[in-house]
Amino acid sequence: MTEAQDSLTSVVLASGNAGKLREFDALLAPLGVTLIPQGTLAIPDAPEPHLTFLENALAKARHASLLSGLPALADDSGLCVAALNAAPGIHSARYAEAEHGSRSDAANNQKLVRALQGQSNRRAWYVAVLVLVTRHDDPQPIVAEANWFGEIVDQPRGAHGFGYDPYFFLPEQGCTAAELDPSLKNTLSHRGQALRQLLKQLAARQLVTASLP
């Protein structure tokens, strides 16, 4: 990408998470943007040593772009729980890894429920920070951020979604994130909200010619 007027056609997704790929692909495919998972290009995961979602997302995007030579999109997202001082936060994907030796949604959720035993405050929010770079040394990364508020329940509900979705209850919807139809989730979720912000910025820079409704 050498000029701001060049349209995005292929973008490396700096993630190996199949759930994220499904959500991003559903939102970007109508715009003619093809997402290429970094794993199909043999790009390893980037280190995530930083203390903020923003810094980790930027590091992942630059890493994927450097190794692919293509524009790259990264997100750093996670669940913050008020009663746990905003944990698991940036450690959401690996919350229980030290105890189990590998990353597992089931183990993460079990640890979360145990940590909240006896807590009356169940307020929680998902965070998504998206970063798109047109090249690895892009001096003006495009950044978008959004939150999605809910509560943590003790029993899982629903078969859709991934991560903490079966335990993330949405009072306004009367269901968990995992019970939402995927298309509705893409409208309401932290990632969907952030992607719409991102697309507005892409359109302003003439990198896409369409926008989401």
C-alpha atoms as a PDB file:
ATOM      1  CA  MET A   1       0.000   0.000   0.000  1.00  0.00           C
ATOM      2  CA  THR A   2       1.793   3.103  -1.160  1.00  0.00           C
ATOM      3  CA  GLU A   3      -1.069   5.534  -1.510  1.00  0.00           C
ATOM      4  CA  ALA A   4      -4.016   6.279   0.692  1.00  0.00           C
ATOM      5  CA  GLN A   5      -6.332   5.865  -2.312  1.00  0.00           C
ATOM      6  CA  ASP A   6      -5.454   2.177  -2.799  1.00  0.00           C
ATOM      7  CA  SER A   7      -8.366   0.006  -1.681  1.00  0.00           C
ATOM      8  CA  LEU A   8      -7.924  -2.822   0.747  1.00  0.00           C
ATOM      9  CA  THR A   9      -8.509  -6.158  -0.927  1.00  0.00           C
ATOM     10  CA  SER A  10      -6.480  -8.651   1.112  1.00  0.00           C
ATOM     11  CA  VAL A  11      -5.728  -8.233   4.789  1.00  0.00           C
ATOM     12  CA  VAL A  12      -3.874 -10.572   7.104  1.00  0.00           C
ATOM     13  CA  LEU A  13      -5.776 -11.288  10.296  1.00  0.00           C
ATOM     14  CA  ALA A  14      -3.224 -11.361  13.099  1.00  0.00           C
ATOM     15  CA  SER A  15      -4.984 -14.134  14.970  1.00  0.00           C
ATOM     16  CA  GLY A  16      -5.454 -17.855  14.892  1.00  0.00           C
ATOM     17  CA  ASN A  17      -8.755 -17.688  16.736  1.00  0.00           C
ATOM     18  CA  ALA A  18     -11.426 -19.363  14.592  1.00  0.00           C
ATOM     19  CA  GLY A  19     -14.237 -17.509  16.344  1.00  0.00           C
ATOM     20  CA  LYS A  20     -12.697 -14.128  15.622  1.00  0.00           C
ATOM     21  CA  LEU A  21     -12.102 -15.134  12.005  1.00  0.00           C
ATOM     22  CA  ARG A  22     -15.780 -16.029  11.555  1.00  0.00           C
ATOM     23  CA  GLU A  23     -16.940 -12.736  13.052  1.00  0.00           C
ATOM     24  CA  PHE A  24     -14.519 -10.531  11.113  1.00  0.00           C
ATOM     25  CA  ASP A  25     -15.095 -12.392   7.854  1.00  0.00           C
ATOM     26  CA  ALA A  26     -18.877 -12.016   8.146  1.00  0.00           C
ATOM     27  CA  LEU A  27     -18.481  -8.257   8.560  1.00  0.00           C
ATOM     28  CA  LEU A  28     -15.727  -7.607   5.997  1.00  0.00           C
ATOM     29  CA  ALA A  29     -16.570 -10.017   3.180  1.00  0.00           C
ATOM     30  CA  PRO A  30     -19.485  -7.854   1.906  1.00  0.00           C
ATOM     31  CA  LEU A  31     -16.969  -5.041   1.410  1.00  0.00           C
ATOM     32  CA  GLY A  32     -14.802  -7.156  -0.862  1.00  0.00           C
ATOM     33  CA  VAL A  33     -12.044  -7.523   1.731  1.00  0.00           C
ATOM     34  CA  THR A  34     -10.508 -11.001   1.919  1.00  0.00           C
ATOM     35  CA  LEU A  35      -9.156 -11.967   5.310  1.00  0.00           C
ATOM     36  CA  ILE A  36      -6.115 -14.231   5.365  1.00  0.00           C
ATOM     37  CA  PRO A  37      -5.483 -15.917   8.728  1.00  0.00           C
ATOM     38  CA  GLN A  38      -1.844 -15.480   9.631  1.00  0.00           C
ATOM     39  CA  GLY A  39      -1.503 -19.198  10.292  1.00  0.00           C
ATOM     40  CA  THR A  40      -2.054 -20.007   6.616  1.00  0.00           C
ATOM     41  CA  LEU A  41       1.076 -17.952   5.908  1.00  0.00           C
ATOM     42  CA  ALA A  42       3.031 -19.740   8.651  1.00  0.00           C
ATOM     43  CA  ILE A  43       3.198 -16.526  10.687  1.00  0.00           C
ATOM     44  CA  PRO A  44       3.616 -17.326  14.387  1.00  0.00           C
ATOM     45  CA  ASP A  45       1.798 -15.471  17.116  1.00  0.00           C
ATOM     46  CA  ALA A  46       3.438 -12.220  18.148  1.00  0.00           C
ATOM     47  CA  PRO A  47       4.625 -11.739  21.721  1.00  0.00           C
ATOM     48  CA  GLU A  48       2.130  -9.813  23.863  1.00  0.00           C
ATOM     49  CA  PRO A  49       4.252  -8.355  26.653  1.00  0.00           C
ATOM     50  CA  HIS A  50       2.394  -5.077  27.018  1.00  0.00           C
ATOM     51  CA  LEU A  51       0.034  -3.869  29.720  1.00  0.00           C
ATOM     52  CA  THR A  52      -2.713  -2.473  27.493  1.00  0.00           C
ATOM     53  CA  PHE A  53      -5.040  -3.829  24.829  1.00  0.00           C
ATOM     54  CA  LEU A  54      -3.891  -1.077  22.460  1.00  0.00           C
ATOM     55  CA  GLU A  55      -0.182  -1.841  22.697  1.00  0.00           C
ATOM     56  CA  ASN A  56      -0.724  -5.565  22.226  1.00  0.00           C
ATOM     57  CA  ALA A  57      -3.016  -5.071  19.219  1.00  0.00           C
ATOM     58  CA  LEU A  58      -0.515  -2.740  17.562  1.00  0.00           C
ATOM     59  CA  ALA A  59       2.342  -5.183  18.169  1.00  0.00           C
ATOM     60  CA  LYS A  60       0.351  -8.034  16.622  1.00  0.00           C
ATOM     61  CA  ALA A  61      -0.649  -5.995  13.573  1.00  0.00           C
ATOM     62  CA  ARG A  62       2.899  -4.796  12.863  1.00  0.00           C
ATOM     63  CA  HIS A  63       4.262  -8.331  13.335  1.00  0.00           C
ATOM     64  CA  ALA A  64       1.802  -9.870  10.860  1.00  0.00           C
ATOM     65  CA  SER A  65       2.333  -7.114   8.306  1.00  0.00           C
ATOM     66  CA  LEU A  66       6.118  -7.336   8.549  1.00  0.00           C
ATOM     67  CA  LEU A  67       6.155 -11.083   7.932  1.00  0.00           C
ATOM     68  CA  SER A  68       3.494 -11.074   5.207  1.00  0.00           C
ATOM     69  CA  GLY A  69       4.196  -7.840   3.352  1.00  0.00           C
ATOM     70  CA  LEU A  70       0.450  -7.157   3.439  1.00  0.00           C
ATOM     71  CA  PRO A  71      -1.886  -4.891   5.388  1.00  0.00           C
ATOM     72  CA  ALA A  72      -2.771  -6.473   8.704  1.00  0.00           C
ATOM     73  CA  LEU A  73      -5.662  -6.301  11.129  1.00  0.00           C
ATOM     74  CA  ALA A  74      -5.272  -7.229  14.779  1.00  0.00           C
ATOM     75  CA  ASP A  75      -7.496  -7.056  17.771  1.00  0.00           C
ATOM     76  CA  ASP A  76      -6.704  -7.387  21.399  1.00  0.00           C
ATOM     77  CA  SER A  77      -9.823  -8.096  23.323  1.00  0.00           C
ATOM     78  CA  GLY A  78     -10.862  -9.497  26.623  1.00  0.00           C
ATOM     79  CA  LEU A  79     -13.279  -9.623  29.492  1.00  0.00           C
ATOM     80  CA  CYS A  80     -13.033  -7.232  32.425  1.00  0.00           C
ATOM     81  CA  VAL A  81     -14.912  -8.014  35.648  1.00  0.00           C
ATOM     82  CA  ALA A  82     -15.555  -5.246  38.138  1.00  0.00           C
ATOM     83  CA  ALA A  83     -15.293  -7.405  41.269  1.00  0.00           C
ATOM     84  CA  LEU A  84     -11.935  -8.780  40.080  1.00  0.00           C
ATOM     85  CA  ASN A  85     -10.326  -5.360  39.548  1.00  0.00           C
ATOM     86  CA  ALA A  86     -10.930  -5.640  35.785  1.00  0.00           C
ATOM     87  CA  ALA A  87      -9.328  -9.090  35.542  1.00  0.00           C
ATOM     88  CA  PRO A  88      -8.852 -11.202  33.501  1.00  0.00           C
ATOM     89  CA  GLY A  89      -8.416  -8.225  31.129  1.00  0.00           C
ATOM     90  CA  ILE A  90      -5.490  -8.545  28.735  1.00  0.00           C
ATOM     91  CA  HIS A  91      -4.899 -12.061  30.096  1.00  0.00           C
ATOM     92  CA  SER A  92      -8.395 -13.277  29.146  1.00  0.00           C
ATOM     93  CA  ALA A  93      -7.297 -15.858  26.568  1.00  0.00           C
ATOM     94  CA  ARG A  94      -4.703 -17.345  28.916  1.00  0.00           C
ATOM     95  CA  TYR A  95      -6.458 -16.758  32.239  1.00  0.00           C
ATOM     96  CA  ALA A  96      -6.132 -20.384  33.408  1.00  0.00           C
ATOM     97  CA  GLU A  97      -3.090 -21.349  31.342  1.00  0.00           C
ATOM     98  CA  ALA A  98      -0.678 -21.463  34.279  1.00  0.00           C
ATOM     99  CA  GLU A  99      -2.938 -23.948  36.067  1.00  0.00           C
ATOM    100  CA  HIS A 100      -3.704 -26.209  33.095  1.00  0.00           C
ATOM    101  CA  GLY A 101      -0.647 -25.874  30.874  1.00  0.00           C
ATOM    102  CA  SER A 102      -2.628 -24.877  27.805  1.00  0.00           C
ATOM    103  CA  ARG A 103      -5.247 -22.361  26.761  1.00  0.00           C
ATOM    104  CA  SER A 104      -8.834 -23.520  27.131  1.00  0.00           C
ATOM    105  CA  ASP A 105     -12.141 -21.659  27.107  1.00  0.00           C
ATOM    106  CA  ALA A 106     -13.567 -24.227  29.523  1.00  0.00           C
ATOM    107  CA  ALA A 107     -10.716 -23.805  32.001  1.00  0.00           C
ATOM    108  CA  ASN A 108     -10.888 -20.011  31.761  1.00  0.00           C
ATOM    109  CA  ASN A 109     -14.612 -20.025  32.464  1.00  0.00           C
ATOM    110  CA  GLN A 110     -14.275 -22.432  35.384  1.00  0.00           C
ATOM    111  CA  LYS A 111     -11.630 -20.209  36.960  1.00  0.00           C
ATOM    112  CA  LEU A 112     -13.811 -17.127  36.440  1.00  0.00           C
ATOM    113  CA  VAL A 113     -16.846 -18.700  38.083  1.00  0.00           C
ATOM    114  CA  ARG A 114     -14.736 -19.869  41.029  1.00  0.00           C
ATOM    115  CA  ALA A 115     -13.242 -16.394  41.446  1.00  0.00           C
ATOM    116  CA  LEU A 116     -16.724 -14.873  41.644  1.00  0.00           C
ATOM    117  CA  GLN A 117     -18.169 -17.272  44.212  1.00  0.00           C
ATOM    118  CA  GLY A 118     -19.872 -15.239  46.917  1.00  0.00           C
ATOM    119  CA  GLN A 119     -19.649 -11.998  44.935  1.00  0.00           C
ATOM    120  CA  SER A 120     -22.872 -10.025  44.517  1.00  0.00           C
ATOM    121  CA  ASN A 121     -21.351  -7.618  41.989  1.00  0.00           C
ATOM    122  CA  ARG A 122     -21.363  -9.482  38.670  1.00  0.00           C
ATOM    123  CA  ARG A 123     -20.879  -6.462  36.398  1.00  0.00           C
ATOM    124  CA  ALA A 124     -18.519  -7.123  33.503  1.00  0.00           C
ATOM    125  CA  TRP A 125     -17.632  -5.753  30.115  1.00  0.00           C
ATOM    126  CA  TYR A 126     -15.958  -7.013  26.999  1.00  0.00           C
ATOM    127  CA  VAL A 127     -13.270  -4.763  25.481  1.00  0.00           C
ATOM    128  CA  ALA A 128     -12.151  -4.794  21.867  1.00  0.00           C
ATOM    129  CA  VAL A 129      -9.316  -2.705  20.455  1.00  0.00           C
ATOM    130  CA  LEU A 130      -8.741  -3.063  16.718  1.00  0.00           C
ATOM    131  CA  VAL A 131      -5.645  -1.881  14.893  1.00  0.00           C
ATOM    132  CA  LEU A 132      -5.141  -1.914  11.134  1.00  0.00           C
ATOM    133  CA  VAL A 133      -1.806  -1.096   9.543  1.00  0.00           C
ATOM    134  CA  THR A 134      -1.382  -0.732   5.807  1.00  0.00           C
ATOM    135  CA  ARG A 135       2.277  -1.712   6.165  1.00  0.00           C
ATOM    136  CA  HIS A 136       4.467  -2.802   9.061  1.00  0.00           C
ATOM    137  CA  ASP A 137       5.920   0.677   9.581  1.00  0.00           C
ATOM    138  CA  ASP A 138       2.642   2.496   9.019  1.00  0.00           C
ATOM    139  CA  PRO A 139       3.046   5.848  10.828  1.00  0.00           C
ATOM    140  CA  GLN A 140      -0.713   6.285  11.169  1.00  0.00           C
ATOM    141  CA  PRO A 141      -2.345   3.025  12.293  1.00  0.00           C
ATOM    142  CA  ILE A 142      -6.105   3.003  12.304  1.00  0.00           C
ATOM    143  CA  VAL A 143      -7.425   2.317  15.810  1.00  0.00           C
ATOM    144  CA  ALA A 144     -10.944   1.619  17.043  1.00  0.00           C
ATOM    145  CA  GLU A 145     -12.169   0.640  20.503  1.00  0.00           C
ATOM    146  CA  ALA A 146     -15.499  -0.410  21.997  1.00  0.00           C
ATOM    147  CA  ASN A 147     -16.982  -1.931  25.171  1.00  0.00           C
ATOM    148  CA  TRP A 148     -19.922  -4.310  25.597  1.00  0.00           C
ATOM    149  CA  PHE A 149     -21.510  -4.398  29.057  1.00  0.00           C
ATOM    150  CA  GLY A 150     -23.153  -7.318  30.804  1.00  0.00           C
ATOM    151  CA  GLU A 151     -23.013  -9.594  33.835  1.00  0.00           C
ATOM    152  CA  ILE A 152     -21.382 -12.919  34.666  1.00  0.00           C
ATOM    153  CA  VAL A 153     -23.653 -15.880  35.455  1.00  0.00           C
ATOM    154  CA  ASP A 154     -22.667 -19.149  37.114  1.00  0.00           C
ATOM    155  CA  GLN A 155     -24.138 -21.553  34.562  1.00  0.00           C
ATOM    156  CA  PRO A 156     -23.355 -21.543  30.825  1.00  0.00           C
ATOM    157  CA  ARG A 157     -26.154 -20.872  28.377  1.00  0.00           C
ATOM    158  CA  GLY A 158     -26.177 -21.043  24.603  1.00  0.00           C
ATOM    159  CA  ALA A 159     -24.236 -22.791  21.842  1.00  0.00           C
ATOM    160  CA  HIS A 160     -23.013 -19.845  19.784  1.00  0.00           C
ATOM    161  CA  GLY A 161     -20.019 -17.602  20.295  1.00  0.00           C
ATOM    162  CA  PHE A 162     -16.762 -18.515  21.994  1.00  0.00           C
ATOM    163  CA  GLY A 163     -14.610 -17.572  24.954  1.00  0.00           C
ATOM    164  CA  TYR A 164     -16.660 -16.288  27.874  1.00  0.00           C
ATOM    165  CA  ASP A 165     -19.848 -15.836  25.804  1.00  0.00           C
ATOM    166  CA  PRO A 166     -21.887 -18.608  27.516  1.00  0.00           C
ATOM    167  CA  TYR A 167     -21.390 -16.851  30.870  1.00  0.00           C
ATOM    168  CA  PHE A 168     -21.775 -13.258  29.647  1.00  0.00           C
ATOM    169  CA  PHE A 169     -25.396 -12.319  30.346  1.00  0.00           C
ATOM    170  CA  LEU A 170     -27.003  -9.342  28.629  1.00  0.00           C
ATOM    171  CA  PRO A 171     -29.873  -7.943  30.745  1.00  0.00           C
ATOM    172  CA  GLU A 172     -31.315  -5.918  27.868  1.00  0.00           C
ATOM    173  CA  GLN A 173     -31.500  -9.020  25.676  1.00  0.00           C
ATOM    174  CA  GLY A 174     -32.464 -11.441  28.441  1.00  0.00           C
ATOM    175  CA  CYS A 175     -29.876 -13.961  27.300  1.00  0.00           C
ATOM    176  CA  THR A 176     -26.169 -14.669  27.185  1.00  0.00           C
ATOM    177  CA  ALA A 177     -23.925 -13.700  24.286  1.00  0.00           C
ATOM    178  CA  ALA A 178     -23.790 -17.383  23.327  1.00  0.00           C
ATOM    179  CA  GLU A 179     -27.580 -17.453  22.940  1.00  0.00           C
ATOM    180  CA  LEU A 180     -27.633 -14.602  20.441  1.00  0.00           C
ATOM    181  CA  ASP A 181     -28.032 -15.272  16.752  1.00  0.00           C
ATOM    182  CA  PRO A 182     -24.547 -14.670  15.257  1.00  0.00           C
ATOM    183  CA  SER A 183     -25.805 -11.863  13.032  1.00  0.00           C
ATOM    184  CA  LEU A 184     -27.309 -10.049  16.024  1.00  0.00           C
ATOM    185  CA  LYS A 185     -24.150 -10.620  18.021  1.00  0.00           C
ATOM    186  CA  ASN A 186     -22.128  -9.004  15.223  1.00  0.00           C
ATOM    187  CA  THR A 187     -24.334  -5.934  15.590  1.00  0.00           C
ATOM    188  CA  LEU A 188     -24.202  -5.673  19.376  1.00  0.00           C
ATOM    189  CA  SER A 189     -20.784  -6.989  20.329  1.00  0.00           C
ATOM    190  CA  HIS A 190     -17.698  -5.066  21.326  1.00  0.00           C
ATOM    191  CA  ARG A 191     -15.956  -6.380  18.211  1.00  0.00           C
ATOM    192  CA  GLY A 192     -18.826  -5.428  15.916  1.00  0.00           C
ATOM    193  CA  GLN A 193     -19.026  -1.930  17.393  1.00  0.00           C
ATOM    194  CA  ALA A 194     -15.268  -1.441  17.068  1.00  0.00           C
ATOM    195  CA  LEU A 195     -15.236  -2.730  13.502  1.00  0.00           C
ATOM    196  CA  ARG A 196     -17.895  -0.228  12.489  1.00  0.00           C
ATOM    197  CA  GLN A 197     -15.738   2.545  13.931  1.00  0.00           C
ATOM    198  CA  LEU A 198     -12.781   1.146  12.016  1.00  0.00           C
ATOM    199  CA  LEU A 199     -14.723   1.067   8.759  1.00  0.00           C
ATOM    200  CA  LYS A 200     -15.694   4.714   9.116  1.00  0.00           C
ATOM    201  CA  GLN A 201     -12.019   5.574   9.371  1.00  0.00           C
ATOM    202  CA  LEU A 202     -11.160   3.330   6.416  1.00  0.00           C
ATOM    203  CA  ALA A 203     -13.816   5.056   4.338  1.00  0.00           C
ATOM    204  CA  ALA A 204     -12.509   8.483   5.345  1.00  0.00           C
ATOM    205  CA  ARG A 205      -9.075   7.464   4.083  1.00  0.00           C
ATOM    206  CA  GLN A 206     -10.626   5.974   0.938  1.00  0.00           C
ATOM    207  CA  LEU A 207      -9.402   2.470   1.765  1.00  0.00           C
ATOM    208  CA  VAL A 208     -12.900   1.054   1.318  1.00  0.00           C
ATOM    209  CA  THR A 209     -15.781   2.391  -0.695  1.00  0.00           C
ATOM    210  CA  ALA A 210     -18.630   0.847   1.281  1.00  0.00           C
ATOM    211  CA  SER A 211     -19.700   0.837   4.890  1.00  0.00           C
ATOM    212  CA  LEU A 212     -21.761  -1.335   7.155  1.00  0.00           C
ATOM    213  CA  PRO A 213     -25.396  -0.399   7.701  1.00  0.00           C
END
